[in-house]
Amino acid sequence: QVQLVESGGGLVQAWGSLRLSCTVFGRTFSSYALGWFRQAPGKEREFVAFISWSGGTTDYANSVKGRFIISRDNAKNTVYLQMNSLKPEDTAVYYCAASSRSTIFTSNRYEGSYDYWGQGTQVTVSS
């Protein structure tokens, strides 16, 4: 059984920063590629960022590119999302997800490509 546990969400003012963490329990962390998604009220869940098994490949949604940084620490079984210059439109529940599929590199922006999901952490950005 694989479990993903997010933390680090909260309330922050616009232009502030937050760092989300997601720790993976139960399997070899380095065998998973990881993604961050978010879901704002009344909207569908959307892709935010992706990082490969080794950390050598990353991908970002256009809306966060240049402001968010995804990273991973395989020794701590944890993936991070550093969020800078936050905007009110970044308000959402943020989810981390894990995939062991070899096809993930061609489909890392799609929810269906991930096998395991965390419970989500709320990020609220005030104007």
Foldseek 3Di string as FASTA:
>chain_A
DKAKAKDWADEEAAQAKTKMKIAIPDDQLLLKKKFKWWDDPPGDIWGAKTAHSVRPDMDGDPVQPPFWDWGDDSVRRMIMIIGGRDDQVVWTWMKMFIANDPCCVVPVGDPVRTDDMHPTDTHGYHD
